[in-house]
């Protein structure tokens, strides 16, 4: 059984990334409010079984890379009027990420 990552990780701390703007059916770990938004990789967390597949009773393999991504609140919420320094961090699996434009 292959329980390791499929490939080398694609991102590192400081990389600018974009969350996929998709709405696949079923259980997903990415909240709708963050889809399509740009953020910065804050850290690499490791490789883990895919929780989207685990939710349906599959083994979640191969493991997927997981990153903590930081988003400016003002970029997430259209009418946000707090400090420009306010952020929200989410843990996001690599298959939801692409390089930001």
Protein backbone atom coordinates (compact mmCIF):
# COMPACT_ATOMS: atom_id res chain seq x y z
CA UNK A 1 0.00 0.00 0.00
CA UNK A 2 1.34 3.47 -0.93
CA UNK A 3 0.60 5.78 1.99
CA UNK A 4 3.12 8.51 1.12
CA UNK A 5 2.60 11.72 -0.83
CA UNK A 6 2.09 11.35 -4.59
CA UNK A 7 4.61 14.05 -5.43
CA UNK A 8 6.89 16.66 -3.96
CA UNK A 9 5.10 19.58 -2.36
CA UNK A 10 4.47 22.51 -4.69
CA UNK A 11 4.48 25.46 -2.27
CA UNK A 12 6.60 26.95 0.49
CA UNK A 13 6.12 29.63 3.13
CA UNK A 14 5.70 33.03 1.49
CA UNK A 15 4.24 31.71 -1.79
CA UNK A 16 1.16 33.54 -3.04
CA UNK A 17 -1.66 31.11 -3.81
CA UNK A 18 -5.26 31.15 -4.96
CA UNK A 19 -8.02 28.88 -3.67
CA UNK A 20 -9.94 27.05 -6.41
CA UNK A 21 -13.31 28.59 -7.28
CA UNK A 22 -15.24 25.33 -7.60
CA UNK A 23 -18.29 23.84 -5.97
CA UNK A 24 -17.89 20.06 -6.24
CA UNK A 25 -20.67 17.97 -4.72
CA UNK A 26 -20.30 16.27 -1.39
CA UNK A 27 -18.33 16.93 1.78
CA UNK A 28 -15.58 19.54 1.23
CA UNK A 29 -13.14 21.05 3.71
CA UNK A 30 -12.95 24.49 2.08
CA UNK A 31 -15.56 27.04 3.18
CA UNK A 32 -17.41 28.81 0.38
CA UNK A 33 -16.35 32.27 1.55
CA UNK A 34 -12.67 31.55 0.84
CA UNK A 35 -13.04 29.96 -2.61
CA UNK A 36 -11.48 32.08 -5.33
CA UNK A 37 -9.53 34.20 -2.82
CA UNK A 38 -5.78 34.86 -2.80
CA UNK A 39 -3.60 34.23 0.23
CA UNK A 40 -0.03 33.56 1.30
CA UNK A 41 1.33 30.22 2.48
CA UNK A 42 2.20 30.75 6.13
CA UNK A 43 3.66 27.26 6.64
CA UNK A 44 3.73 23.71 5.38
CA UNK A 45 1.95 21.37 7.81
CA UNK A 46 2.83 17.94 6.36
CA UNK A 47 1.12 15.25 4.30
CA UNK A 48 -2.06 13.58 5.54
CA UNK A 49 -4.83 11.33 4.26
CA UNK A 50 -7.42 13.34 2.33
CA UNK A 51 -10.27 14.16 4.78
CA UNK A 52 -12.68 14.74 1.89
CA UNK A 53 -12.32 11.06 1.02
CA UNK A 54 -12.14 9.88 4.64
CA UNK A 55 -15.60 11.42 5.17
CA UNK A 56 -17.01 8.82 2.75
CA UNK A 57 -15.22 5.84 4.28
CA UNK A 58 -12.31 5.68 1.84
CA UNK A 59 -8.71 5.40 3.05
CA UNK A 60 -7.80 8.95 1.93
CA UNK A 61 -4.68 7.72 0.16
CA UNK A 62 -2.42 8.81 -1.29
CA UNK A 63 -1.68 11.43 1.32
CA UNK A 64 -2.10 15.08 0.33
CA UNK A 65 0.09 18.04 1.24
CA UNK A 66 -1.46 20.46 3.74
CA UNK A 67 -0.61 24.15 4.12
CA UNK A 68 -1.67 26.92 6.46
CA UNK A 69 -2.68 29.84 4.24
CA UNK A 70 -3.13 33.40 5.52
CA UNK A 71 -5.71 35.76 4.04
CA UNK A 72 -6.19 39.46 4.73
CA UNK A 73 -9.69 39.95 6.16
CA UNK A 74 -10.20 42.90 3.81
CA UNK A 75 -9.64 40.55 0.85
CA UNK A 76 -12.10 37.99 2.19
CA UNK A 77 -15.02 40.18 3.27
CA UNK A 78 -16.23 42.86 0.85
CA UNK A 79 -17.38 45.33 3.54
CA UNK A 80 -14.65 44.62 6.09
CA UNK A 81 -13.77 47.84 7.92
CA UNK A 82 -11.31 46.55 10.50
CA UNK A 83 -7.56 46.95 10.49
CA UNK A 84 -5.69 46.19 7.28
CA UNK A 85 -3.46 43.96 9.44
CA UNK A 86 -6.32 41.60 10.39
CA UNK A 87 -5.98 38.12 8.92
CA UNK A 88 -7.63 34.72 8.91
CA UNK A 89 -5.61 31.49 8.59
CA UNK A 90 -6.99 28.27 7.14
CA UNK A 91 -5.44 24.88 6.58
CA UNK A 92 -5.83 23.98 2.91
CA UNK A 93 -4.86 20.85 1.02
CA UNK A 94 -2.69 21.28 -2.04
CA UNK A 95 -5.33 20.14 -4.54
CA UNK A 96 -7.32 23.30 -3.73
CA UNK A 97 -4.36 25.61 -4.48
CA UNK A 98 -2.80 27.21 -7.53
CA UNK A 99 -0.20 29.96 -7.91
CA UNK A 100 -1.78 33.40 -7.54
CA UNK A 101 -1.72 35.70 -10.57
